Amino acid sequence: MSTTVDRNNEQIAIDVEKCTGCLNCQFICSFTYTEAFNPSQARIVIDRRDIPEKISFTEECTNCNICADYCLYGAITVRDAS
């Protein structure tokens, strides 16, 4: 498993190889903060122009990590604190 970390949310481990591009993380993030299912308003960005997808967080990310809770494929997980 090859994971990366984004500087705007270092609590999250990102494994782009597991990302299916379903946008669940963007939908739940945008709904949590704007009460609308609108990926363009999410604080997590899934760039599907490349394969594998690029996953990053905006500067507005609050590190709530709800995206990891709703990632069904394990592409976004909370890093072990140890």
PDB file of N, CA and C in Angstrom:
ATOM      1  N   MET A   1       0.855  -1.183   0.000  1.00  0.00           N
ATOM      2  CA  MET A   1       0.000   0.000   0.000  1.00  0.00           C
ATOM      3  C   MET A   1       0.893   1.234   0.000  1.00  0.00           C
ATOM      4  N   SER A   2       0.692   2.110  -0.945  1.00  0.00           N
ATOM      5  CA  SER A   2       1.458   3.340  -1.051  1.00  0.00           C
ATOM      6  C   SER A   2       0.574   4.508  -0.632  1.00  0.00           C
ATOM      7  N   THR A   3       0.826   5.053   0.559  1.00  0.00           N
ATOM      8  CA  THR A   3      -0.006   6.147   1.045  1.00  0.00           C
ATOM      9  C   THR A   3       0.758   7.452   1.036  1.00  0.00           C
ATOM     10  N   THR A   4       0.004   8.535   0.912  1.00  0.00           N
ATOM     11  CA  THR A   4       0.563   9.876   0.977  1.00  0.00           C
ATOM     12  C   THR A   4      -0.226  10.680   1.999  1.00  0.00           C
ATOM     13  N   VAL A   5       0.292  11.851   2.311  1.00  0.00           N
ATOM     14  CA  VAL A   5      -0.354  12.755   3.255  1.00  0.00           C
ATOM     15  C   VAL A   5      -0.391  14.139   2.627  1.00  0.00           C
ATOM     16  N   ASP A   6      -1.526  14.816   2.756  1.00  0.00           N
ATOM     17  CA  ASP A   6      -1.669  16.180   2.243  1.00  0.00           C
ATOM     18  C   ASP A   6      -1.371  17.164   3.371  1.00  0.00           C
ATOM     19  N   ARG A   7      -0.679  18.237   3.075  1.00  0.00           N
ATOM     20  CA  ARG A   7      -0.283  19.198   4.113  1.00  0.00           C
ATOM     21  C   ARG A   7      -1.467  19.885   4.785  1.00  0.00           C
ATOM     22  N   ASN A   8      -2.634  19.930   4.121  1.00  0.00           N
ATOM     23  CA  ASN A   8      -3.794  20.582   4.708  1.00  0.00           C
ATOM     24  C   ASN A   8      -4.592  19.665   5.644  1.00  0.00           C
ATOM     25  N   ASN A   9      -4.253  18.374   5.680  1.00  0.00           N
ATOM     26  CA  ASN A   9      -4.853  17.448   6.643  1.00  0.00           C
ATOM     27  C   ASN A   9      -3.891  16.285   6.839  1.00  0.00           C
ATOM     28  N   GLU A  10      -2.968  16.452   7.749  1.00  0.00           N
ATOM     29  CA  GLU A  10      -1.944  15.434   7.972  1.00  0.00           C
ATOM     30  C   GLU A  10      -2.448  14.262   8.803  1.00  0.00           C
ATOM     31  N   GLN A  11      -3.701  14.308   9.239  1.00  0.00           N
ATOM     32  CA  GLN A  11      -4.292  13.199   9.987  1.00  0.00           C
ATOM     33  C   GLN A  11      -4.772  12.087   9.068  1.00  0.00           C
ATOM     34  N   ILE A  12      -4.875  12.372   7.783  1.00  0.00           N
ATOM     35  CA  ILE A  12      -5.439  11.433   6.812  1.00  0.00           C
ATOM     36  C   ILE A  12      -4.336  10.809   5.962  1.00  0.00           C
ATOM     37  N   ALA A  13      -4.436   9.479   5.811  1.00  0.00           N
ATOM     38  CA  ALA A  13      -3.577   8.755   4.876  1.00  0.00           C
ATOM     39  C   ALA A  13      -4.369   8.560   3.587  1.00  0.00           C
ATOM     40  N   ILE A  14      -3.733   8.831   2.464  1.00  0.00           N
ATOM     41  CA  ILE A  14      -4.389   8.753   1.159  1.00  0.00           C
ATOM     42  C   ILE A  14      -3.751   7.631   0.351  1.00  0.00           C
ATOM     43  N   ASP A  15      -4.573   6.717  -0.130  1.00  0.00           N
ATOM     44  CA  ASP A  15      -4.112   5.642  -1.017  1.00  0.00           C
ATOM     45  C   ASP A  15      -4.895   5.765  -2.323  1.00  0.00           C
ATOM     46  N   VAL A  16      -4.339   6.502  -3.274  1.00  0.00           N
ATOM     47  CA  VAL A  16      -5.066   6.802  -4.517  1.00  0.00           C
ATOM     48  C   VAL A  16      -5.365   5.547  -5.328  1.00  0.00           C
ATOM     49  N   GLU A  17      -4.592   4.494  -5.143  1.00  0.00           N
ATOM     50  CA  GLU A  17      -4.836   3.267  -5.896  1.00  0.00           C
ATOM     51  C   GLU A  17      -6.157   2.618  -5.510  1.00  0.00           C
ATOM     52  N   LYS A  18      -6.674   2.922  -4.328  1.00  0.00           N
ATOM     53  CA  LYS A  18      -7.950   2.367  -3.883  1.00  0.00           C
ATOM     54  C   LYS A  18      -9.132   3.268  -4.241  1.00  0.00           C
ATOM     55  N   CYS A  19      -8.870   4.476  -4.697  1.00  0.00           N
ATOM     56  CA  CYS A  19      -9.935   5.422  -5.007  1.00  0.00           C
ATOM     57  C   CYS A  19     -10.651   5.003  -6.290  1.00  0.00           C
ATOM     58  N   THR A  20     -11.984   4.937  -6.212  1.00  0.00           N
ATOM     59  CA  THR A  20     -12.793   4.596  -7.382  1.00  0.00           C
ATOM     60  C   THR A  20     -13.395   5.833  -8.042  1.00  0.00           C
ATOM     61  N   GLY A  21     -13.206   6.989  -7.412  1.00  0.00           N
ATOM     62  CA  GLY A  21     -13.792   8.211  -7.956  1.00  0.00           C
ATOM     63  C   GLY A  21     -15.275   8.335  -7.671  1.00  0.00           C
ATOM     64  N   CYS A  22     -15.786   7.656  -6.651  1.00  0.00           N
ATOM     65  CA  CYS A  22     -17.226   7.670  -6.351  1.00  0.00           C
ATOM     66  C   CYS A  22     -17.706   9.012  -5.792  1.00  0.00           C
ATOM     67  N   LEU A  23     -16.801   9.813  -5.257  1.00  0.00           N
ATOM     68  CA  LEU A  23     -17.071  11.145  -4.708  1.00  0.00           C
ATOM     69  C   LEU A  23     -17.865  11.143  -3.396  1.00  0.00           C
ATOM     70  N   ASN A  24     -18.020   9.982  -2.762  1.00  0.00           N
ATOM     71  CA  ASN A  24     -18.695   9.931  -1.464  1.00  0.00           C
ATOM     72  C   ASN A  24     -18.092  10.935  -0.495  1.00  0.00           C
ATOM     73  N   CYS A  25     -16.771  11.002  -0.454  1.00  0.00           N
ATOM     74  CA  CYS A  25     -16.084  11.899   0.478  1.00  0.00           C
ATOM     75  C   CYS A  25     -16.436  13.356   0.196  1.00  0.00           C
ATOM     76  N   GLN A  26     -16.503  13.731  -1.066  1.00  0.00           N
ATOM     77  CA  GLN A  26     -16.851  15.106  -1.410  1.00  0.00           C
ATOM     78  C   GLN A  26     -18.312  15.406  -1.108  1.00  0.00           C
ATOM     79  N   PHE A  27     -19.174  14.456  -1.363  1.00  0.00           N
ATOM     80  CA  PHE A  27     -20.595  14.672  -1.069  1.00  0.00           C
ATOM     81  C   PHE A  27     -20.838  14.863   0.420  1.00  0.00           C
ATOM     82  N   ILE A  28     -20.251  14.002   1.266  1.00  0.00           N
ATOM     83  CA  ILE A  28     -20.493  14.128   2.704  1.00  0.00           C
ATOM     84  C   ILE A  28     -19.838  15.391   3.252  1.00  0.00           C
ATOM     85  N   CYS A  29     -18.689  15.750   2.738  1.00  0.00           N
ATOM     86  CA  CYS A  29     -18.018  16.975   3.192  1.00  0.00           C
ATOM     87  C   CYS A  29     -18.851  18.204   2.835  1.00  0.00           C
ATOM     88  N   SER A  30     -19.278  18.282   1.595  1.00  0.00           N
ATOM     89  CA  SER A  30     -20.054  19.461   1.193  1.00  0.00           C
ATOM     90  C   SER A  30     -21.377  19.523   1.945  1.00  0.00           C
ATOM     91  N   PHE A  31     -22.007  18.379   2.154  1.00  0.00           N
ATOM     92  CA  PHE A  31     -23.276  18.375   2.884  1.00  0.00           C
ATOM     93  C   PHE A  31     -23.075  18.786   4.344  1.00  0.00           C
ATOM     94  N   THR A  32     -21.990  18.335   4.945  1.00  0.00           N
ATOM     95  CA  THR A  32     -21.708  18.661   6.347  1.00  0.00           C
ATOM     96  C   THR A  32     -21.523  20.159   6.541  1.00  0.00           C
ATOM     97  N   TYR A  33     -20.853  20.816   5.607  1.00  0.00           N
ATOM     98  CA  TYR A  33     -20.514  22.227   5.792  1.00  0.00           C
ATOM     99  C   TYR A  33     -21.419  23.207   5.051  1.00  0.00           C
ATOM    100  N   THR A  34     -22.151  22.738   4.033  1.00  0.00           N
ATOM    101  CA  THR A  34     -22.997  23.674   3.280  1.00  0.00           C
ATOM    102  C   THR A  34     -24.446  23.199   3.168  1.00  0.00           C
ATOM    103  N   GLU A  35     -24.725  22.011   3.682  1.00  0.00           N
ATOM    104  CA  GLU A  35     -26.059  21.402   3.588  1.00  0.00           C
ATOM    105  C   GLU A  35     -26.504  21.217   2.139  1.00  0.00           C
ATOM    106  N   ALA A  36     -25.538  21.003   1.257  1.00  0.00           N
ATOM    107  CA  ALA A  36     -25.820  20.725  -0.149  1.00  0.00           C
ATOM    108  C   ALA A  36     -24.856  19.641  -0.630  1.00  0.00           C
ATOM    109  N   PHE A  37     -25.355  18.726  -1.438  1.00  0.00           N
ATOM    110  CA  PHE A  37     -24.493  17.712  -2.035  1.00  0.00           C
ATOM    111  C   PHE A  37     -23.862  18.313  -3.292  1.00  0.00           C
ATOM    112  N   ASN A  38     -22.758  19.026  -3.102  1.00  0.00           N
ATOM    113  CA  ASN A  38     -22.097  19.742  -4.185  1.00  0.00           C
ATOM    114  C   ASN A  38     -20.587  19.566  -4.050  1.00  0.00           C
ATOM    115  N   PRO A  39     -19.991  18.643  -4.797  1.00  0.00           N
ATOM    116  CA  PRO A  39     -18.559  18.393  -4.669  1.00  0.00           C
ATOM    117  C   PRO A  39     -17.675  19.637  -4.817  1.00  0.00           C
ATOM    118  N   SER A  40     -18.129  20.614  -5.580  1.00  0.00           N
ATOM    119  CA  SER A  40     -17.311  21.819  -5.752  1.00  0.00           C
ATOM    120  C   SER A  40     -17.227  22.654  -4.477  1.00  0.00           C
ATOM    121  N   GLN A  41     -18.093  22.370  -3.506  1.00  0.00           N
ATOM    122  CA  GLN A  41     -18.064  23.094  -2.233  1.00  0.00           C
ATOM    123  C   GLN A  41     -17.400  22.285  -1.121  1.00  0.00           C
ATOM    124  N   ALA A  42     -16.885  21.111  -1.447  1.00  0.00           N
ATOM    125  CA  ALA A  42     -16.229  20.256  -0.459  1.00  0.00           C
ATOM    126  C   ALA A  42     -14.833  20.769  -0.133  1.00  0.00           C
ATOM    127  N   ARG A  43     -14.341  20.370   1.010  1.00  0.00           N
ATOM    128  CA  ARG A  43     -12.996  20.734   1.452  1.00  0.00           C
ATOM    129  C   ARG A  43     -11.977  19.667   1.088  1.00  0.00           C
ATOM    130  N   ILE A  44     -12.458  18.618   0.443  1.00  0.00           N
ATOM    131  CA  ILE A  44     -11.596  17.589  -0.130  1.00  0.00           C
ATOM    132  C   ILE A  44     -11.780  17.635  -1.642  1.00  0.00           C
ATOM    133  N   VAL A  45     -10.698  17.472  -2.365  1.00  0.00           N
ATOM    134  CA  VAL A  45     -10.724  17.579  -3.827  1.00  0.00           C
ATOM    135  C   VAL A  45     -10.287  16.243  -4.423  1.00  0.00           C
ATOM    136  N   ILE A  46     -11.137  15.695  -5.284  1.00  0.00           N
ATOM    137  CA  ILE A  46     -10.798  14.491  -6.035  1.00  0.00           C
ATOM    138  C   ILE A  46     -10.639  14.913  -7.486  1.00  0.00           C
ATOM    139  N   ASP A  47      -9.410  14.860  -7.981  1.00  0.00           N
ATOM    140  CA  ASP A  47      -9.130  15.240  -9.367  1.00  0.00           C
ATOM    141  C   ASP A  47      -9.137  13.966 -10.200  1.00  0.00           C
ATOM    142  N   ARG A  48     -10.194  13.788 -10.976  1.00  0.00           N
ATOM    143  CA  ARG A  48     -10.366  12.570 -11.762  1.00  0.00           C
ATOM    144  C   ARG A  48      -9.827  12.703 -13.177  1.00  0.00           C
ATOM    145  N   ARG A  49      -9.096  13.750 -13.462  1.00  0.00           N
ATOM    146  CA  ARG A  49      -8.542  13.920 -14.812  1.00  0.00           C
ATOM    147  C   ARG A  49      -7.394  12.957 -15.071  1.00  0.00           C
ATOM    148  N   ASP A  50      -6.761  12.482 -13.991  1.00  0.00           N
ATOM    149  CA  ASP A  50      -5.644  11.551 -14.111  1.00  0.00           C
ATOM    150  C   ASP A  50      -6.037  10.215 -13.496  1.00  0.00           C
ATOM    151  N   ILE A  51      -5.372   9.170 -13.908  1.00  0.00           N
ATOM    152  CA  ILE A  51      -5.522   7.860 -13.299  1.00  0.00           C
ATOM    153  C   ILE A  51      -4.142   7.482 -12.775  1.00  0.00           C
ATOM    154  N   PRO A  52      -3.969   7.228 -11.504  1.00  0.00           N
ATOM    155  CA  PRO A  52      -5.015   7.258 -10.485  1.00  0.00           C
ATOM    156  C   PRO A  52      -5.405   8.696 -10.142  1.00  0.00           C
ATOM    157  N   GLU A  53      -6.551   8.825  -9.500  1.00  0.00           N
ATOM    158  CA  GLU A  53      -7.058  10.122  -9.101  1.00  0.00           C
ATOM    159  C   GLU A  53      -6.082  10.809  -8.152  1.00  0.00           C
ATOM    160  N   LYS A  54      -6.163  12.121  -8.079  1.00  0.00           N
ATOM    161  CA  LYS A  54      -5.387  12.886  -7.102  1.00  0.00           C
ATOM    162  C   LYS A  54      -6.345  13.337  -6.016  1.00  0.00           C
ATOM    163  N   ILE A  55      -5.967  13.108  -4.775  1.00  0.00           N
ATOM    164  CA  ILE A  55      -6.797  13.474  -3.629  1.00  0.00           C
ATOM    165  C   ILE A  55      -6.046  14.503  -2.811  1.00  0.00           C
ATOM    166  N   SER A  56      -6.692  15.625  -2.535  1.00  0.00           N
ATOM    167  CA  SER A  56      -6.063  16.672  -1.723  1.00  0.00           C
ATOM    168  C   SER A  56      -7.139  17.383  -0.914  1.00  0.00           C
ATOM    169  N   PHE A  57      -6.703  18.247  -0.026  1.00  0.00           N
ATOM    170  CA  PHE A  57      -7.618  18.991   0.836  1.00  0.00           C
ATOM    171  C   PHE A  57      -7.391  20.483   0.641  1.00  0.00           C
ATOM    172  N   THR A  58      -8.464  21.257   0.735  1.00  0.00           N
ATOM    173  CA  THR A  58      -8.332  22.706   0.626  1.00  0.00           C
ATOM    174  C   THR A  58      -7.836  23.263   1.958  1.00  0.00           C
ATOM    175  N   GLU A  59      -7.452  24.514   1.951  1.00  0.00           N
ATOM    176  CA  GLU A  59      -7.008  25.165   3.190  1.00  0.00           C
ATOM    177  C   GLU A  59      -8.155  25.313   4.185  1.00  0.00           C
ATOM    178  N   GLU A  60      -9.394  25.205   3.717  1.00  0.00           N
ATOM    179  CA  GLU A  60     -10.559  25.314   4.593  1.00  0.00           C
ATOM    180  C   GLU A  60     -10.852  24.022   5.353  1.00  0.00           C
ATOM    181  N   CYS A  61     -10.119  22.956   5.066  1.00  0.00           N
ATOM    182  CA  CYS A  61     -10.330  21.673   5.740  1.00  0.00           C
ATOM    183  C   CYS A  61     -10.153  21.854   7.247  1.00  0.00           C
ATOM    184  N   THR A  62     -11.121  21.338   8.006  1.00  0.00           N
ATOM    185  CA  THR A  62     -11.092  21.476   9.471  1.00  0.00           C
ATOM    186  C   THR A  62     -10.532  20.236  10.161  1.00  0.00           C
ATOM    187  N   ASN A  63     -10.102  19.267   9.397  1.00  0.00           N
ATOM    188  CA  ASN A  63      -9.580  18.009   9.936  1.00  0.00           C
ATOM    189  C   ASN A  63     -10.632  17.244  10.726  1.00  0.00           C
ATOM    190  N   CYS A  64     -11.882  17.351  10.336  1.00  0.00           N
ATOM    191  CA  CYS A  64     -12.953  16.603  11.010  1.00  0.00           C
ATOM    192  C   CYS A  64     -12.887  15.123  10.647  1.00  0.00           C
ATOM    193  N   ASN A  65     -12.298  14.826   9.493  1.00  0.00           N
ATOM    194  CA  ASN A  65     -12.061  13.463   9.009  1.00  0.00           C
ATOM    195  C   ASN A  65     -13.333  12.682   8.682  1.00  0.00           C
ATOM    196  N   ILE A  66     -14.437  13.379   8.464  1.00  0.00           N
ATOM    197  CA  ILE A  66     -15.673  12.704   8.080  1.00  0.00           C
ATOM    198  C   ILE A  66     -15.506  12.011   6.726  1.00  0.00           C
ATOM    199  N   CYS A  67     -14.630  12.528   5.896  1.00  0.00           N
ATOM    200  CA  CYS A  67     -14.376  11.914   4.593  1.00  0.00           C
ATOM    201  C   CYS A  67     -13.886  10.478   4.761  1.00  0.00           C
ATOM    202  N   ALA A  68     -13.030  10.246   5.751  1.00  0.00           N
ATOM    203  CA  ALA A  68     -12.517   8.897   5.997  1.00  0.00           C
ATOM    204  C   ALA A  68     -13.628   7.974   6.474  1.00  0.00           C
ATOM    205  N   ASP A  69     -14.546   8.503   7.264  1.00  0.00           N
ATOM    206  CA  ASP A  69     -15.665   7.696   7.766  1.00  0.00           C
ATOM    207  C   ASP A  69     -16.555   7.206   6.631  1.00  0.00           C
ATOM    208  N   TYR A  70     -16.646   7.971   5.568  1.00  0.00           N
ATOM    209  CA  TYR A  70     -17.546   7.642   4.462  1.00  0.00           C
ATOM    210  C   TYR A  70     -16.845   7.074   3.235  1.00  0.00           C
ATOM    211  N   CYS A  71     -15.544   6.876   3.309  1.00  0.00           N
ATOM    212  CA  CYS A  71     -14.823   6.262   2.185  1.00  0.00           C
ATOM    213  C   CYS A  71     -15.021   4.752   2.263  1.00  0.00           C
ATOM    214  N   LEU A  72     -15.765   4.214   1.322  1.00  0.00           N
ATOM    215  CA  LEU A  72     -16.110   2.799   1.326  1.00  0.00           C
ATOM    216  C   LEU A  72     -14.983   1.892   0.846  1.00  0.00           C
ATOM    217  N   TYR A  73     -13.945   2.479   0.248  1.00  0.00           N
ATOM    218  CA  TYR A  73     -12.911   1.677  -0.401  1.00  0.00           C
ATOM    219  C   TYR A  73     -11.550   1.745   0.294  1.00  0.00           C
ATOM    220  N   GLY A  74     -11.458   2.489   1.384  1.00  0.00           N
ATOM    221  CA  GLY A  74     -10.195   2.562   2.114  1.00  0.00           C
ATOM    222  C   GLY A  74      -9.154   3.461   1.482  1.00  0.00           C
ATOM    223  N   ALA A  75      -9.580   4.321   0.572  1.00  0.00           N
ATOM    224  CA  ALA A  75      -8.641   5.241  -0.061  1.00  0.00           C
ATOM    225  C   ALA A  75      -8.265   6.384   0.878  1.00  0.00           C
ATOM    226  N   ILE A  76      -9.170   6.701   1.797  1.00  0.00           N
ATOM    227  CA  ILE A  76      -8.954   7.790   2.764  1.00  0.00           C
ATOM    228  C   ILE A  76      -9.146   7.184   4.152  1.00  0.00           C
ATOM    229  N   THR A  77      -8.087   7.172   4.934  1.00  0.00           N
ATOM    230  CA  THR A  77      -8.158   6.607   6.286  1.00  0.00           C
ATOM    231  C   THR A  77      -7.486   7.539   7.266  1.00  0.00           C
ATOM    232  N   VAL A  78      -7.895   7.452   8.527  1.00  0.00           N
ATOM    233  CA  VAL A  78      -7.267   8.240   9.574  1.00  0.00           C
ATOM    234  C   VAL A  78      -5.957   7.550   9.944  1.00  0.00           C
ATOM    235  N   ARG A  79      -4.888   8.339   9.990  1.00  0.00           N
ATOM    236  CA  ARG A  79      -3.569   7.793  10.319  1.00  0.00           C
ATOM    237  C   ARG A  79      -3.496   7.405  11.784  1.00  0.00           C
ATOM    238  N   ASP A  80      -2.741   6.392  12.063  1.00  0.00           N
ATOM    239  CA  ASP A  80      -2.494   5.945  13.426  1.00  0.00           C
ATOM    240  C   ASP A  80      -1.685   7.027  14.145  1.00  0.00           C
ATOM    241  N   ALA A  81      -2.131   7.409  15.322  1.00  0.00           N
ATOM    242  CA  ALA A  81      -1.489   8.502  16.068  1.00  0.00           C
ATOM    243  C   ALA A  81      -0.097   8.138  16.589  1.00  0.00           C
ATOM    244  N   SER A  82       0.233   6.868  16.641  1.00  0.00           N
ATOM    245  CA  SER A  82       1.541   6.478  17.206  1.00  0.00           C
ATOM    246  C   SER A  82       2.678   6.618  16.251  1.00  0.00           C
TER     247      SER A  82
END
